[in-house]
Amino acid sequence: MALDALSDCDDETLLAHYAAGDAAAARLLTARLGPRVFSHAARLLGDAAEAEDVAQEAMLRLWRIAPEWRAGEAQVSTWLYRVTANLCIDRKRRARGGHTALDAIAEPADPAPSAAGQLQDKARMQALDEALATLPDRQRQAVVLRHIEGLGNPEIAEIMEISTEAVESLTARGKRALAAALAGRREDLGYADD
C-alpha cells in the first residue's frame, strides 16, 4: 500500500498490513510508536541506553505477534506500553538493588527558547526527575503514564493490570508526594508568585 494511504491508518491497521508483508507499514508504525516506547522506558528505567534496548525488544515482540494479533481486543499502544513496562520491571529485577536516577535522561532541547530558557527547562526537568525517583515504582509508573505520557486512567489500569480506582489512588498519592518534594524549590525553578 502507498505510504500516503498508510499514514491515515490506525495502529491496528498498520500492524495488519505489516503482518501481510507490507514493510512500509512497519516503518510507519515504528516511527509512530518507537519514540513513545523509548520515552516510557527511559522514564521508568532512568537510563537511556537500557531504555533503547527495552524499546527495541518491545518493538521486536510486536513484530513477532503481528500475525496472531486479535483485532479489537486491545489497542496496539496499550499492549506495547504493557510489554515495555514488564521489560523494564524485568531489567530492574535483574539489576537487584542498583538504582539509576531519572535525572540521567537528557530531555531534547526545544530550539524556540533562549539559552537561559533552556537551562531553566533543564533544571525543572532535573528537579522533576529527581522527585519522580523518590516515588515507589508503582506510583512513579502511574504518574508517568498519566501526566507525562498523557494516557487515560482506564488505559493505565489495563497496562498496570490494576483497577481504575487503584490508578486514581496511585496518581493522587504520587502527585501529593511530588508537590511536597518540589514545594521548597519554586523560586529557584523560576516559579515566582506574581
Protein backbone atom coordinates (compact mmCIF):
# COMPACT_ATOMS: atom_id res chain seq x y z
CA MET A 1 0.00 0.00 0.00
CA ALA A 2 1.26 3.54 -0.72
CA LEU A 3 2.84 5.40 2.19
CA ASP A 4 0.37 8.30 1.85
CA ALA A 5 -2.57 5.95 2.23
CA LEU A 6 -0.94 4.22 5.20
CA SER A 7 -0.30 7.44 7.11
CA ASP A 8 -4.04 7.80 7.77
CA CYS A 9 -4.34 4.24 9.13
CA ASP A 10 -4.64 3.49 12.84
CA ASP A 11 -2.02 1.38 14.63
CA GLU A 12 -4.02 -1.83 14.40
CA THR A 13 -4.49 -1.47 10.64
CA LEU A 14 -0.78 -0.78 10.18
CA LEU A 15 0.06 -3.90 12.21
CA ALA A 16 -2.26 -5.96 10.00
CA HIS A 17 -0.57 -4.56 6.87
CA TYR A 18 2.84 -5.44 8.33
CA ALA A 19 1.63 -8.98 9.09
CA ALA A 20 0.63 -9.22 5.43
CA GLY A 21 4.19 -8.31 4.39
CA ASP A 22 3.97 -4.52 3.95
CA ALA A 23 7.37 -3.14 5.06
CA ALA A 24 6.17 0.47 4.68
CA ALA A 25 3.54 -0.18 7.36
CA ALA A 26 6.27 -1.42 9.70
CA ARG A 27 8.37 1.69 9.10
CA LEU A 28 5.42 3.98 9.73
CA LEU A 29 4.33 2.13 12.88
CA THR A 30 7.91 2.17 14.19
CA ALA A 31 8.19 5.91 13.54
CA ARG A 32 4.86 6.47 15.30
CA LEU A 33 5.30 4.22 18.35
CA GLY A 34 9.07 3.83 18.74
CA PRO A 35 9.77 7.25 20.31
CA ARG A 36 6.85 6.86 22.75
CA VAL A 37 8.05 3.41 23.81
CA PHE A 38 11.61 4.69 24.26
CA SER A 39 10.43 7.68 26.29
CA HIS A 40 8.29 5.49 28.53
CA ALA A 41 11.15 3.04 29.12
CA ALA A 42 13.61 5.86 29.76
CA ARG A 43 11.38 7.38 32.42
CA LEU A 44 10.84 4.03 34.12
CA LEU A 45 14.50 2.95 33.98
CA GLY A 46 16.36 6.24 34.22
CA ASP A 47 18.97 5.01 31.74
CA ALA A 48 18.81 5.94 28.05
CA ALA A 49 20.95 3.00 26.89
CA GLU A 50 18.84 0.49 28.82
CA ALA A 51 15.68 2.20 27.56
CA GLU A 52 16.86 1.88 23.96
CA ASP A 53 17.39 -1.86 24.44
CA VAL A 54 13.94 -2.21 26.02
CA ALA A 55 12.29 -0.20 23.23
CA GLN A 56 13.92 -2.38 20.58
CA GLU A 57 12.87 -5.57 22.37
CA ALA A 58 9.30 -4.30 22.78
CA MET A 59 9.05 -3.47 19.07
CA LEU A 60 10.50 -6.88 18.15
CA ARG A 61 7.85 -8.55 20.27
CA LEU A 62 5.19 -6.52 18.48
CA TRP A 63 6.50 -7.70 15.10
CA ARG A 64 6.54 -11.32 16.31
CA ILE A 65 2.91 -11.28 17.45
CA ALA A 66 1.64 -9.32 14.42
CA PRO A 67 0.37 -12.40 12.53
CA GLU A 68 -1.62 -13.57 15.59
CA TRP A 69 -2.91 -10.09 16.60
CA ARG A 70 -6.58 -10.31 17.55
CA ALA A 71 -8.22 -7.12 16.34
CA GLY A 72 -10.41 -5.28 18.82
CA GLU A 73 -9.10 -6.97 21.99
CA ALA A 74 -6.58 -4.27 22.92
CA GLN A 75 -5.07 -1.17 21.42
CA VAL A 76 -1.63 -1.71 19.95
CA SER A 77 -0.21 1.17 22.01
CA THR A 78 -1.71 -0.21 25.24
CA TRP A 79 -0.22 -3.62 24.57
CA LEU A 80 3.12 -2.06 23.74
CA TYR A 81 3.17 0.10 26.91
CA ARG A 82 2.42 -3.01 28.99
CA VAL A 83 5.19 -5.01 27.33
CA THR A 84 7.59 -2.09 27.80
CA ALA A 85 6.71 -1.76 31.49
CA ASN A 86 7.16 -5.51 32.01
CA LEU A 87 10.54 -5.47 30.26
CA CYS A 88 11.60 -2.55 32.48
CA ILE A 89 10.48 -4.41 35.61
CA ASP A 90 12.44 -7.48 34.47
CA ARG A 91 15.58 -5.40 33.93
CA LYS A 92 15.23 -3.75 37.34
CA ARG A 93 14.80 -7.15 38.99
CA ARG A 94 17.92 -8.46 37.27
CA ALA A 95 19.89 -5.41 38.43
CA ARG A 96 18.83 -6.20 42.04
CA GLY A 97 19.30 -3.12 44.07
CA GLY A 98 21.06 -0.80 41.67
CA HIS A 99 19.02 2.40 41.24
CA THR A 100 19.71 4.87 38.50
CA ALA A 101 18.27 8.34 38.99
CA LEU A 102 15.84 9.52 36.34
CA ASP A 103 17.80 12.78 36.02
CA ALA A 104 20.31 10.90 33.86
CA ILE A 105 17.89 11.22 30.95
CA ALA A 106 18.59 14.24 28.82
CA GLU A 107 15.47 15.98 27.59
CA PRO A 108 15.53 17.01 23.94
CA ALA A 109 16.20 20.71 23.62
CA ASP A 110 13.46 22.84 22.10
CA PRO A 111 15.05 25.31 19.64
CA ALA A 112 12.48 28.04 20.45
CA PRO A 113 13.52 29.08 23.98
CA SER A 114 16.59 31.16 24.68
CA ALA A 115 19.70 29.63 26.22
CA ALA A 116 18.55 30.81 29.65
CA GLY A 117 15.13 29.31 28.99
CA GLN A 118 16.71 26.02 28.00
CA LEU A 119 18.77 25.99 31.22
CA GLN A 120 15.63 26.75 33.23
CA ASP A 121 13.73 23.96 31.48
CA LYS A 122 16.60 21.55 32.13
CA ALA A 123 16.67 22.47 35.82
CA ARG A 124 12.92 21.96 36.03
CA MET A 125 13.10 18.56 34.33
CA GLN A 126 16.00 17.51 36.52
CA ALA A 127 14.02 18.53 39.62
CA LEU A 128 11.01 16.58 38.34
CA ASP A 129 13.13 13.51 37.54
CA GLU A 130 14.75 13.66 40.98
CA ALA A 131 11.34 13.94 42.61
CA LEU A 132 9.98 11.08 40.46
CA ALA A 133 12.92 8.92 41.52
CA THR A 134 11.78 9.21 45.16
CA LEU A 135 8.36 7.70 44.41
CA PRO A 136 7.67 3.98 44.82
CA ASP A 137 7.84 2.15 41.48
CA ARG A 138 4.08 1.68 41.03
CA GLN A 139 3.33 5.33 41.87
CA ARG A 140 6.07 6.52 39.52
CA GLN A 141 4.75 4.32 36.70
CA ALA A 142 1.18 5.57 37.19
CA VAL A 143 2.24 9.24 37.38
CA VAL A 144 4.50 8.95 34.31
CA LEU A 145 1.81 7.21 32.25
CA ARG A 146 -0.90 9.69 33.31
CA HIS A 147 0.85 13.04 33.45
CA ILE A 148 3.86 12.65 31.18
CA GLU A 149 2.66 10.14 28.59
CA GLY A 150 -0.90 11.57 28.75
CA LEU A 151 -2.76 8.26 28.94
CA GLY A 152 -6.22 7.93 30.48
CA ASN A 153 -6.88 6.05 33.70
CA PRO A 154 -8.65 3.08 32.03
CA GLU A 155 -5.71 2.55 29.68
CA ILE A 156 -3.23 2.85 32.56
CA ALA A 157 -5.29 0.34 34.55
CA GLU A 158 -5.04 -2.09 31.65
CA ILE A 159 -1.28 -1.57 31.28
CA MET A 160 -0.60 -1.97 35.01
CA GLU A 161 -3.22 -4.72 35.38
CA ILE A 162 -4.99 -2.95 38.27
CA SER A 163 -8.36 -1.26 38.75
CA THR A 164 -9.10 2.29 37.62
CA GLU A 165 -9.63 3.23 41.27
CA ALA A 166 -6.15 1.93 42.09
CA VAL A 167 -4.72 4.08 39.27
CA GLU A 168 -6.52 7.13 40.67
CA SER A 169 -5.15 6.39 44.14
CA LEU A 170 -1.60 5.87 42.88
CA THR A 171 -1.60 9.05 40.79
CA ALA A 172 -3.15 11.13 43.59
CA ARG A 173 -0.58 9.92 46.14
CA GLY A 174 2.22 10.38 43.61
CA LYS A 175 1.13 13.95 42.79
CA ARG A 176 0.97 14.83 46.50
CA ALA A 177 4.44 13.40 47.07
CA LEU A 178 5.82 15.29 44.04
CA ALA A 179 4.21 18.55 45.20
CA ALA A 180 5.73 18.13 48.64
CA ALA A 181 9.16 17.28 47.20
CA LEU A 182 9.15 20.30 44.87
CA ALA A 183 7.40 22.83 47.15
CA GLY A 184 10.61 24.33 48.53
CA ARG A 185 12.12 24.78 45.08
CA ARG A 186 9.51 27.05 43.45
CA GLU A 187 11.69 30.15 43.42
CA ASP A 188 14.93 28.55 42.23
CA LEU A 189 12.99 26.81 39.43
CA GLY A 190 11.59 30.16 38.25
CA TYR A 191 8.04 29.80 39.54
CA ALA A 192 7.83 33.07 41.45
CA ASP A 193 4.39 34.05 42.73
CA ASP A 194 3.11 37.04 40.78
